[in-house]
Every structure is written in C-alpha cells, then in structure tokens.
Amino acid sequence: MGILVMSDSHGLVREVAQVVGRHKVEKILHCGDFCVDHTRDPFSKMTLVRGNCDTTKAVPTEQQTKWNDLHILQTHGHLFGVKSSLLRLHYRAEETGANVVIFGHSHVPVCGVERDVLFLNPGSLQMPRGFDVPTYAILEQTGVTSTAVQVSVSFYDHLGSPVKSLGGKYSFRR
C-alpha cells in the first residue's frame, strides 16, 4: 500500500470521494486548493495543506510526514514560486531534511529526482494544464538500502485509468 497524492480539486467533492474510494492506501495527502470545508468528508480524512485559493486558516501551508523511509514535505507551492522554478522548494526540502516533496499549484503533473530529492506534482483533478486529462498519483516505497530509497509513482486519470506516460521508478537518498 502507498500514499494517494492529489491537488487542485477546486471544489470537487463527489469526484474526490470517488478517487479516495478507488484505492486502498495508507495515507491521503492533498496539496491544496481543495476549496471546500476541510472538515467535510472525504477531506477530513486527509492530510491537507492550504493553497492560494483556500480560505481557512485552520489548515497549514506546509506539512511534514514521515512514512516508512520517506521524509515528505507537503505544500501547495505558491509560496515557493513553483511555476517558474523548483529551486526555492529544493532549499526548503534541504532545510527540513525531506527526501520527497509533493506540491501542486501549477496543475501540471510532473515527477522526477533533482539533487537526490523526489519532486511530485500530481496535477489537477479539476483544471489540468500541460496534460489532456485530470490526474492524481500514488506513491509507493518499493525498496531501501543503507543509503537509498526506491519508490514507484503511478499516475491515474480522474476515472482511475493508469496514465503510462507519467511516473515511473525512482531512487534517491534515504
């Protein structure tokens, strides 16, 4: 089992509930711009961060989660200028000791390792950019050595069909 990662659902509730019900996972992380009451189901069962379109101050702009050998930094990305560069986000990962950074804001699904840190943007469930369909992702740890972690990242469209052109297998520092 892994972690379900989604972002930028912008008011969708039924569709988010369908995604959550579709996969058996250990954690659900939403990277902001959920734009609904965070205490309502299914959002109340998620680890949330506040995006630039969310109004509640009860949800933080950043979360850190330890899961297996992953040290995950979760943010929306708007406070780090992710539409132009991941550099500020990388600096924050170094400050926090994160080896995985999940974020949204750009609505562009992307996943890759930069300087031994995995960066994952699951795309948007509401308004995809740079891709034809709404997307979300599942992150699974597949292996570990004394110095590295191996993971698999699988992307899915809003209907639950795998998106083979995105994701893959990655290795980065433990």
N, C-alpha and C. Protein backbone atom coordinates (compact mmCIF):
# COMPACT_ATOMS: atom_id res chain seq x y z
N MET A 1 0.83 -1.19 0.00
CA MET A 1 0.00 0.00 0.00
C MET A 1 0.87 1.24 0.00
N GLY A 2 0.33 2.31 -0.49
CA GLY A 2 1.10 3.53 -0.62
C GLY A 2 0.36 4.75 -0.14
N ILE A 3 0.71 5.87 -0.77
CA ILE A 3 0.13 7.16 -0.43
C ILE A 3 -0.56 7.71 -1.67
N LEU A 4 -1.81 8.10 -1.51
CA LEU A 4 -2.56 8.77 -2.56
C LEU A 4 -2.26 10.25 -2.49
N VAL A 5 -1.83 10.84 -3.60
CA VAL A 5 -1.47 12.26 -3.64
C VAL A 5 -2.35 12.95 -4.68
N MET A 6 -3.03 14.01 -4.24
CA MET A 6 -3.85 14.79 -5.16
C MET A 6 -3.70 16.27 -4.86
N SER A 7 -4.16 17.09 -5.78
CA SER A 7 -4.06 18.53 -5.60
C SER A 7 -5.07 19.23 -6.49
N ASP A 8 -5.30 20.48 -6.17
CA ASP A 8 -6.06 21.38 -7.03
C ASP A 8 -7.39 20.78 -7.51
N SER A 9 -8.19 20.33 -6.54
CA SER A 9 -9.50 19.79 -6.87
C SER A 9 -10.56 20.89 -6.96
N HIS A 10 -10.27 22.08 -6.47
CA HIS A 10 -11.07 23.28 -6.67
C HIS A 10 -12.58 23.06 -6.54
N GLY A 11 -13.00 22.57 -5.38
CA GLY A 11 -14.42 22.44 -5.09
C GLY A 11 -15.05 21.10 -5.40
N LEU A 12 -14.35 20.24 -6.10
CA LEU A 12 -14.90 18.91 -6.39
C LEU A 12 -15.00 18.10 -5.10
N VAL A 13 -16.14 17.52 -4.86
CA VAL A 13 -16.31 16.65 -3.68
C VAL A 13 -16.63 15.23 -4.12
N ARG A 14 -17.63 15.06 -4.95
CA ARG A 14 -18.01 13.72 -5.42
C ARG A 14 -16.85 13.03 -6.14
N GLU A 15 -16.18 13.76 -7.01
CA GLU A 15 -15.07 13.19 -7.77
C GLU A 15 -13.90 12.82 -6.86
N VAL A 16 -13.62 13.66 -5.86
CA VAL A 16 -12.55 13.37 -4.90
C VAL A 16 -12.91 12.13 -4.10
N ALA A 17 -14.17 12.02 -3.68
CA ALA A 17 -14.63 10.84 -2.94
C ALA A 17 -14.49 9.58 -3.79
N GLN A 18 -14.76 9.69 -5.08
CA GLN A 18 -14.61 8.53 -5.97
C GLN A 18 -13.15 8.10 -6.06
N VAL A 19 -12.25 9.06 -6.17
CA VAL A 19 -10.81 8.74 -6.22
C VAL A 19 -10.39 8.07 -4.92
N VAL A 20 -10.79 8.62 -3.80
CA VAL A 20 -10.43 8.06 -2.49
C VAL A 20 -10.98 6.65 -2.34
N GLY A 21 -12.21 6.41 -2.79
CA GLY A 21 -12.81 5.08 -2.68
C GLY A 21 -12.23 4.05 -3.62
N ARG A 22 -11.52 4.50 -4.61
CA ARG A 22 -11.00 3.62 -5.66
C ARG A 22 -9.72 2.89 -5.24
N HIS A 23 -8.96 3.45 -4.30
CA HIS A 23 -7.65 2.90 -3.96
C HIS A 23 -7.53 2.62 -2.47
N LYS A 24 -6.92 1.48 -2.13
CA LYS A 24 -6.63 1.16 -0.74
C LYS A 24 -5.21 1.66 -0.47
N VAL A 25 -5.10 2.70 0.34
CA VAL A 25 -3.80 3.32 0.64
C VAL A 25 -3.68 3.55 2.14
N GLU A 26 -2.47 3.82 2.58
CA GLU A 26 -2.23 4.10 3.99
C GLU A 26 -2.45 5.55 4.36
N LYS A 27 -2.19 6.45 3.41
CA LYS A 27 -2.34 7.89 3.66
C LYS A 27 -2.89 8.57 2.42
N ILE A 28 -3.56 9.69 2.66
CA ILE A 28 -4.04 10.52 1.56
C ILE A 28 -3.55 11.94 1.83
N LEU A 29 -2.77 12.48 0.89
CA LEU A 29 -2.22 13.82 1.02
C LEU A 29 -2.78 14.70 -0.09
N HIS A 30 -3.36 15.82 0.29
CA HIS A 30 -3.90 16.77 -0.68
C HIS A 30 -3.05 18.03 -0.62
N CYS A 31 -2.55 18.46 -1.77
CA CYS A 31 -1.60 19.57 -1.84
C CYS A 31 -2.25 20.94 -2.04
N GLY A 32 -3.47 21.09 -1.60
CA GLY A 32 -4.08 22.42 -1.57
C GLY A 32 -4.96 22.77 -2.74
N ASP A 33 -5.68 23.89 -2.55
CA ASP A 33 -6.74 24.34 -3.44
C ASP A 33 -7.84 23.29 -3.52
N PHE A 34 -8.25 22.82 -2.33
CA PHE A 34 -9.41 21.92 -2.23
C PHE A 34 -10.70 22.75 -2.29
N CYS A 35 -10.68 23.97 -1.74
CA CYS A 35 -11.74 24.97 -1.89
C CYS A 35 -13.11 24.53 -1.38
N VAL A 36 -13.12 23.72 -0.35
CA VAL A 36 -14.36 23.33 0.33
C VAL A 36 -14.06 23.28 1.82
N ASP A 37 -15.08 23.07 2.62
CA ASP A 37 -14.92 22.93 4.05
C ASP A 37 -14.01 21.73 4.34
N HIS A 38 -12.89 21.99 4.96
CA HIS A 38 -11.90 20.93 5.20
C HIS A 38 -12.37 19.89 6.20
N THR A 39 -13.45 20.15 6.93
CA THR A 39 -13.96 19.20 7.92
C THR A 39 -14.98 18.23 7.32
N ARG A 40 -15.33 18.44 6.06
CA ARG A 40 -16.32 17.55 5.43
C ARG A 40 -15.62 16.35 4.80
N ASP A 41 -16.36 15.27 4.72
CA ASP A 41 -15.86 14.04 4.12
C ASP A 41 -15.74 14.23 2.61
N PRO A 42 -14.72 13.77 1.94
CA PRO A 42 -13.61 12.95 2.40
C PRO A 42 -12.37 13.73 2.86
N PHE A 43 -12.44 15.06 2.82
CA PHE A 43 -11.29 15.89 3.13
C PHE A 43 -10.84 15.77 4.59
N SER A 44 -11.79 15.48 5.47
CA SER A 44 -11.46 15.35 6.89
C SER A 44 -10.54 14.17 7.17
N LYS A 45 -10.45 13.23 6.23
CA LYS A 45 -9.60 12.04 6.39
C LYS A 45 -8.22 12.23 5.76
N MET A 46 -7.95 13.40 5.23
CA MET A 46 -6.71 13.66 4.50
C MET A 46 -5.76 14.54 5.31
N THR A 47 -4.50 14.46 4.95
CA THR A 47 -3.54 15.46 5.41
C THR A 47 -3.56 16.56 4.35
N LEU A 48 -3.99 17.73 4.76
CA LEU A 48 -4.20 18.84 3.84
C LEU A 48 -3.18 19.95 4.06
N VAL A 49 -2.90 20.68 3.00
CA VAL A 49 -2.21 21.97 3.12
C VAL A 49 -3.06 23.00 2.39
N ARG A 50 -2.94 24.24 2.84
CA ARG A 50 -3.73 25.34 2.29
C ARG A 50 -3.07 25.88 1.02
N GLY A 51 -3.87 26.04 -0.02
CA GLY A 51 -3.40 26.64 -1.26
C GLY A 51 -3.82 28.09 -1.36
N ASN A 52 -3.45 28.74 -2.42
CA ASN A 52 -3.75 30.16 -2.59
C ASN A 52 -5.25 30.43 -2.78
N CYS A 53 -6.04 29.41 -3.13
CA CYS A 53 -7.48 29.59 -3.28
C CYS A 53 -8.28 29.11 -2.07
N ASP A 54 -7.61 28.56 -1.07
CA ASP A 54 -8.29 28.10 0.14
C ASP A 54 -8.36 29.24 1.14
N THR A 55 -9.49 29.35 1.83
CA THR A 55 -9.69 30.48 2.73
C THR A 55 -9.46 30.17 4.20
N THR A 56 -9.54 28.91 4.60
CA THR A 56 -9.42 28.57 6.00
C THR A 56 -7.99 28.72 6.51
N LYS A 57 -7.85 29.34 7.66
CA LYS A 57 -6.53 29.46 8.30
C LYS A 57 -6.27 28.27 9.22
N ALA A 58 -7.27 27.38 9.37
CA ALA A 58 -7.12 26.20 10.23
C ALA A 58 -6.24 25.13 9.60
N VAL A 59 -5.98 25.25 8.30
CA VAL A 59 -5.13 24.30 7.58
C VAL A 59 -3.79 24.98 7.32
N PRO A 60 -2.68 24.31 7.66
CA PRO A 60 -1.36 24.93 7.48
C PRO A 60 -0.95 25.00 6.00
N THR A 61 0.01 25.84 5.71
CA THR A 61 0.53 25.95 4.33
C THR A 61 1.59 24.89 4.05
N GLU A 62 2.00 24.18 5.07
CA GLU A 62 3.07 23.18 4.91
C GLU A 62 2.86 22.07 5.95
N GLN A 63 3.12 20.84 5.54
CA GLN A 63 3.08 19.69 6.45
C GLN A 63 4.32 18.85 6.20
N GLN A 64 4.76 18.15 7.24
CA GLN A 64 5.85 17.19 7.09
C GLN A 64 5.34 15.85 7.60
N THR A 65 5.56 14.81 6.81
CA THR A 65 5.09 13.47 7.13
C THR A 65 6.24 12.49 7.00
N LYS A 66 6.39 11.64 7.99
CA LYS A 66 7.36 10.53 7.92
C LYS A 66 6.55 9.28 7.62
N TRP A 67 6.91 8.59 6.56
CA TRP A 67 6.23 7.34 6.18
C TRP A 67 7.29 6.38 5.67
N ASN A 68 7.42 5.24 6.32
CA ASN A 68 8.48 4.29 6.01
C ASN A 68 9.82 5.04 6.03
N ASP A 69 10.54 5.03 4.91
CA ASP A 69 11.82 5.73 4.84
C ASP A 69 11.72 7.06 4.10
N LEU A 70 10.50 7.54 3.94
CA LEU A 70 10.28 8.79 3.24
C LEU A 70 10.03 9.91 4.24
N HIS A 71 10.72 11.01 4.04
CA HIS A 71 10.51 12.25 4.80
C HIS A 71 9.87 13.22 3.82
N ILE A 72 8.55 13.39 3.93
CA ILE A 72 7.77 14.10 2.93
C ILE A 72 7.48 15.53 3.35
N LEU A 73 7.83 16.46 2.49
CA LEU A 73 7.44 17.86 2.64
C LEU A 73 6.27 18.09 1.70
N GLN A 74 5.15 18.55 2.26
CA GLN A 74 3.92 18.77 1.50
C GLN A 74 3.57 20.24 1.56
N THR A 75 3.38 20.85 0.40
CA THR A 75 2.99 22.26 0.32
C THR A 75 2.21 22.46 -0.97
N HIS A 76 1.56 23.60 -1.09
CA HIS A 76 0.85 23.88 -2.34
C HIS A 76 1.84 24.33 -3.41
N GLY A 77 2.76 25.17 -3.04
CA GLY A 77 3.79 25.60 -3.99
C GLY A 77 3.75 27.08 -4.33
N HIS A 78 2.62 27.74 -4.10
CA HIS A 78 2.50 29.15 -4.48
C HIS A 78 3.46 30.04 -3.69
N LEU A 79 3.80 29.65 -2.48
CA LEU A 79 4.73 30.45 -1.65
C LEU A 79 6.19 30.21 -2.04
N PHE A 80 6.41 29.25 -2.96
CA PHE A 80 7.77 28.91 -3.38
C PHE A 80 8.02 29.18 -4.86
N GLY A 81 7.07 29.79 -5.53
CA GLY A 81 7.25 30.15 -6.94
C GLY A 81 7.44 28.97 -7.87
N VAL A 82 6.69 27.88 -7.64
CA VAL A 82 6.92 26.65 -8.39
C VAL A 82 6.57 26.74 -9.87
N LYS A 83 5.85 27.77 -10.26
CA LYS A 83 5.54 27.91 -11.69
C LYS A 83 6.75 28.34 -12.51
N SER A 84 7.77 28.89 -11.83
CA SER A 84 8.95 29.32 -12.56
C SER A 84 10.19 28.49 -12.24
N SER A 85 10.26 27.92 -11.02
CA SER A 85 11.45 27.16 -10.64
C SER A 85 11.16 26.33 -9.39
N LEU A 86 11.85 25.23 -9.24
CA LEU A 86 11.74 24.41 -8.02
C LEU A 86 12.87 24.70 -7.04
N LEU A 87 13.71 25.68 -7.34
CA LEU A 87 14.89 25.95 -6.51
C LEU A 87 14.52 26.30 -5.07
N ARG A 88 13.57 27.22 -4.88
CA ARG A 88 13.19 27.60 -3.51
C ARG A 88 12.57 26.42 -2.76
N LEU A 89 11.84 25.59 -3.47
CA LEU A 89 11.26 24.40 -2.87
C LEU A 89 12.35 23.39 -2.50
N HIS A 90 13.37 23.31 -3.33
CA HIS A 90 14.51 22.43 -3.02
C HIS A 90 15.24 22.92 -1.77
N TYR A 91 15.44 24.21 -1.65
CA TYR A 91 16.07 24.76 -0.44
C TYR A 91 15.24 24.41 0.80
N ARG A 92 13.91 24.50 0.68
CA ARG A 92 13.06 24.16 1.82
C ARG A 92 13.17 22.67 2.16
N ALA A 93 13.29 21.83 1.14
CA ALA A 93 13.48 20.40 1.37
C ALA A 93 14.78 20.16 2.14
N GLU A 94 15.83 20.86 1.76
CA GLU A 94 17.11 20.73 2.47
C GLU A 94 16.98 21.20 3.91
N GLU A 95 16.27 22.30 4.13
CA GLU A 95 16.08 22.82 5.50
C GLU A 95 15.34 21.84 6.39
N THR A 96 14.39 21.12 5.82
CA THR A 96 13.55 20.22 6.61
C THR A 96 14.04 18.78 6.62
N GLY A 97 15.03 18.46 5.79
CA GLY A 97 15.53 17.09 5.71
C GLY A 97 14.65 16.19 4.86
N ALA A 98 13.78 16.77 4.05
CA ALA A 98 12.87 15.97 3.22
C ALA A 98 13.62 15.31 2.06
N ASN A 99 13.22 14.08 1.76
CA ASN A 99 13.73 13.43 0.55
C ASN A 99 12.63 13.29 -0.51
N VAL A 100 11.41 13.70 -0.14
CA VAL A 100 10.28 13.75 -1.08
C VAL A 100 9.57 15.08 -0.88
N VAL A 101 9.25 15.77 -1.97
CA VAL A 101 8.47 16.99 -1.92
C VAL A 101 7.25 16.79 -2.81
N ILE A 102 6.07 16.98 -2.22
CA ILE A 102 4.84 16.93 -3.01
C ILE A 102 4.22 18.31 -3.00
N PHE A 103 3.73 18.72 -4.15
CA PHE A 103 3.21 20.09 -4.29
C PHE A 103 2.22 20.14 -5.44
N GLY A 104 1.53 21.26 -5.57
CA GLY A 104 0.57 21.47 -6.64
C GLY A 104 0.77 22.83 -7.26
N HIS A 105 -0.30 23.59 -7.34
CA HIS A 105 -0.35 24.98 -7.80
C HIS A 105 -0.28 25.13 -9.32
N SER A 106 0.65 24.49 -9.97
CA SER A 106 0.81 24.68 -11.42
C SER A 106 -0.22 23.89 -12.23
N HIS A 107 -0.84 22.89 -11.63
CA HIS A 107 -1.80 21.99 -12.29
C HIS A 107 -1.12 21.10 -13.32
N VAL A 108 0.20 21.08 -13.36
CA VAL A 108 0.95 20.29 -14.34
C VAL A 108 1.50 19.05 -13.65
N PRO A 109 1.09 17.84 -14.09
CA PRO A 109 1.62 16.63 -13.47
C PRO A 109 3.09 16.44 -13.83
N VAL A 110 3.90 16.23 -12.80
CA VAL A 110 5.34 16.06 -13.03
C VAL A 110 5.92 15.23 -11.90
N CYS A 111 6.95 14.46 -12.22
CA CYS A 111 7.63 13.68 -11.20
C CYS A 111 9.07 13.45 -11.66
N GLY A 112 10.01 13.69 -10.76
CA GLY A 112 11.41 13.47 -11.09
C GLY A 112 12.30 13.72 -9.88
N VAL A 113 13.52 13.25 -9.99
CA VAL A 113 14.50 13.43 -8.93
C VAL A 113 15.48 14.53 -9.33
N GLU A 114 15.62 15.50 -8.45
CA GLU A 114 16.59 16.58 -8.63
C GLU A 114 17.48 16.62 -7.40
N ARG A 115 18.77 16.49 -7.58
CA ARG A 115 19.74 16.54 -6.48
C ARG A 115 19.30 15.66 -5.31
N ASP A 116 18.93 14.41 -5.63
CA ASP A 116 18.62 13.38 -4.65
C ASP A 116 17.33 13.62 -3.86
N VAL A 117 16.43 14.43 -4.39
CA VAL A 117 15.12 14.66 -3.78
C VAL A 117 14.06 14.39 -4.86
N LEU A 118 13.03 13.61 -4.49
CA LEU A 118 11.93 13.35 -5.42
C LEU A 118 10.93 14.50 -5.34
N PHE A 119 10.60 15.09 -6.48
CA PHE A 119 9.59 16.13 -6.59
C PHE A 119 8.39 15.55 -7.32
N LEU A 120 7.21 15.67 -6.71
CA LEU A 120 6.00 15.10 -7.28
C LEU A 120 4.87 16.11 -7.24
N ASN A 121 4.36 16.45 -8.41
CA ASN A 121 3.15 17.24 -8.54
C ASN A 121 2.13 16.33 -9.21
N PRO A 122 1.03 15.99 -8.50
CA PRO A 122 0.07 15.04 -9.07
C PRO A 122 -0.81 15.61 -10.18
N GLY A 123 -0.68 16.90 -10.47
CA GLY A 123 -1.55 17.54 -11.44
C GLY A 123 -2.82 18.01 -10.76
N SER A 124 -3.83 18.28 -11.53
CA SER A 124 -5.10 18.81 -11.01
C SER A 124 -6.25 17.87 -11.34
N LEU A 125 -7.14 17.69 -10.36
CA LEU A 125 -8.36 16.92 -10.60
C LEU A 125 -9.44 17.76 -11.27
N GLN A 126 -9.26 19.08 -11.30
CA GLN A 126 -10.31 19.96 -11.81
C GLN A 126 -9.93 20.64 -13.13
N MET A 127 -8.74 21.23 -13.17
CA MET A 127 -8.35 22.02 -14.34
C MET A 127 -6.92 21.69 -14.75
N PRO A 128 -6.72 20.58 -15.47
CA PRO A 128 -5.36 20.19 -15.84
C PRO A 128 -4.71 21.20 -16.79
N ARG A 129 -3.41 21.35 -16.63
CA ARG A 129 -2.62 22.18 -17.55
C ARG A 129 -1.45 21.34 -18.03
N GLY A 130 -1.11 21.48 -19.27
CA GLY A 130 0.04 20.75 -19.81
C GLY A 130 -0.21 19.26 -19.97
N PHE A 131 -1.46 18.86 -19.78
CA PHE A 131 -1.82 17.45 -19.93
C PHE A 131 -3.30 17.39 -20.29
N ASP A 132 -3.70 16.36 -21.01
CA ASP A 132 -5.05 16.29 -21.56
C ASP A 132 -6.15 16.01 -20.55
N VAL A 133 -5.83 15.29 -19.47
CA VAL A 133 -6.87 14.84 -18.54
C VAL A 133 -6.49 15.19 -17.10
N PRO A 134 -7.48 15.29 -16.21
CA PRO A 134 -7.20 15.47 -14.79
C PRO A 134 -6.42 14.26 -14.25
N THR A 135 -5.51 14.50 -13.31
CA THR A 135 -4.67 13.42 -12.81
C THR A 135 -4.49 13.48 -11.29
N TYR A 136 -4.08 12.35 -10.75
CA TYR A 136 -3.61 12.21 -9.37
C TYR A 136 -2.56 11.11 -9.37
N ALA A 137 -1.92 10.88 -8.24
CA ALA A 137 -0.80 9.93 -8.22
C ALA A 137 -0.84 9.06 -6.96
N ILE A 138 -0.18 7.92 -7.07
CA ILE A 138 0.06 7.04 -5.92
C ILE A 138 1.56 6.81 -5.82
N LEU A 139 2.07 7.04 -4.61
CA LEU A 139 3.49 6.90 -4.30
C LEU A 139 3.65 5.66 -3.42
N GLU A 140 4.53 4.74 -3.84
CA GLU A 140 4.77 3.53 -3.07
C GLU A 140 6.27 3.32 -2.88
N GLN A 141 6.68 3.02 -1.66
CA GLN A 141 8.08 2.66 -1.42
C GLN A 141 8.24 1.20 -1.83
N THR A 142 9.23 0.93 -2.68
CA THR A 142 9.43 -0.42 -3.20
C THR A 142 10.70 -1.07 -2.70
N GLY A 143 11.61 -0.30 -2.12
CA GLY A 143 12.86 -0.86 -1.62
C GLY A 143 13.65 0.16 -0.84
N VAL A 144 14.66 -0.33 -0.14
CA VAL A 144 15.52 0.54 0.64
C VAL A 144 16.87 -0.14 0.84
N THR A 145 17.92 0.67 0.80
CA THR A 145 19.26 0.21 1.16
C THR A 145 19.74 1.11 2.29
N SER A 146 20.98 0.95 2.67
CA SER A 146 21.51 1.80 3.75
C SER A 146 21.60 3.26 3.33
N THR A 147 21.64 3.54 2.03
CA THR A 147 21.81 4.92 1.57
C THR A 147 20.70 5.44 0.66
N ALA A 148 19.85 4.55 0.15
CA ALA A 148 18.87 4.99 -0.85
C ALA A 148 17.50 4.37 -0.61
N VAL A 149 16.49 5.06 -1.13
CA VAL A 149 15.11 4.60 -1.11
C VAL A 149 14.66 4.45 -2.56
N GLN A 150 13.95 3.38 -2.84
CA GLN A 150 13.37 3.19 -4.16
C GLN A 150 11.85 3.32 -4.03
N VAL A 151 11.26 4.04 -4.98
CA VAL A 151 9.82 4.23 -4.99
C VAL A 151 9.28 4.03 -6.40
N SER A 152 7.98 3.81 -6.44
CA SER A 152 7.24 3.76 -7.69
C SER A 152 6.18 4.85 -7.61
N VAL A 153 6.04 5.63 -8.66
CA VAL A 153 5.00 6.65 -8.74
C VAL A 153 4.11 6.31 -9.93
N SER A 154 2.83 6.11 -9.65
CA SER A 154 1.85 5.79 -10.69
C SER A 154 0.85 6.93 -10.77
N PHE A 155 0.62 7.41 -11.98
CA PHE A 155 -0.37 8.45 -12.21
C PHE A 155 -1.64 7.81 -12.79
N TYR A 156 -2.78 8.41 -12.44
CA TYR A 156 -4.07 7.95 -12.92
C TYR A 156 -4.89 9.14 -13.40
N ASP A 157 -5.77 8.90 -14.37
CA ASP A 157 -6.69 9.96 -14.75
C ASP A 157 -7.86 9.97 -13.77
N HIS A 158 -8.73 10.93 -13.89
CA HIS A 158 -9.84 11.11 -12.96
C HIS A 158 -10.81 9.94 -12.92
N LEU A 159 -10.76 9.07 -13.92
CA LEU A 159 -11.63 7.90 -13.94
C LEU A 159 -10.93 6.65 -13.39
N GLY A 160 -9.66 6.80 -13.01
CA GLY A 160 -8.92 5.68 -12.42
C GLY A 160 -8.10 4.87 -13.40
N SER A 161 -8.03 5.29 -14.64
CA SER A 161 -7.21 4.58 -15.62
C SER A 161 -5.76 5.01 -15.49
N PRO A 162 -4.81 4.06 -15.52
CA PRO A 162 -3.39 4.42 -15.42
C PRO A 162 -2.97 5.32 -16.58
N VAL A 163 -2.11 6.29 -16.26
CA VAL A 163 -1.53 7.17 -17.27
C VAL A 163 -0.07 6.74 -17.40
N LYS A 164 0.19 5.89 -18.38
CA LYS A 164 1.51 5.25 -18.53
C LYS A 164 2.63 6.23 -18.91
N SER A 165 2.28 7.36 -19.50
CA SER A 165 3.32 8.31 -19.93
C SER A 165 3.88 9.14 -18.78
N LEU A 166 3.28 9.01 -17.59
CA LEU A 166 3.75 9.75 -16.42
C LEU A 166 4.21 8.77 -15.35
N GLY A 167 5.08 9.25 -14.46
CA GLY A 167 5.52 8.44 -13.33
C GLY A 167 6.65 7.51 -13.69
N GLY A 168 6.89 6.53 -12.83
CA GLY A 168 7.95 5.57 -13.06
C GLY A 168 8.57 5.13 -11.75
N LYS A 169 9.77 4.58 -11.86
CA LYS A 169 10.52 4.11 -10.69
C LYS A 169 11.69 5.07 -10.44
N TYR A 170 11.91 5.40 -9.16
CA TYR A 170 12.92 6.39 -8.81
C TYR A 170 13.71 5.92 -7.62
N SER A 171 14.95 6.39 -7.54
CA SER A 171 15.82 6.13 -6.40
C SER A 171 16.45 7.44 -5.97
N PHE A 172 16.53 7.64 -4.66
CA PHE A 172 17.08 8.89 -4.12
C PHE A 172 17.57 8.63 -2.70
N ARG A 173 18.19 9.64 -2.09
CA ARG A 173 18.81 9.47 -0.77
C ARG A 173 17.81 9.09 0.29
N ARG A 174 18.30 8.31 1.21
CA ARG A 174 17.46 7.86 2.33
C ARG A 174 17.32 8.93 3.36
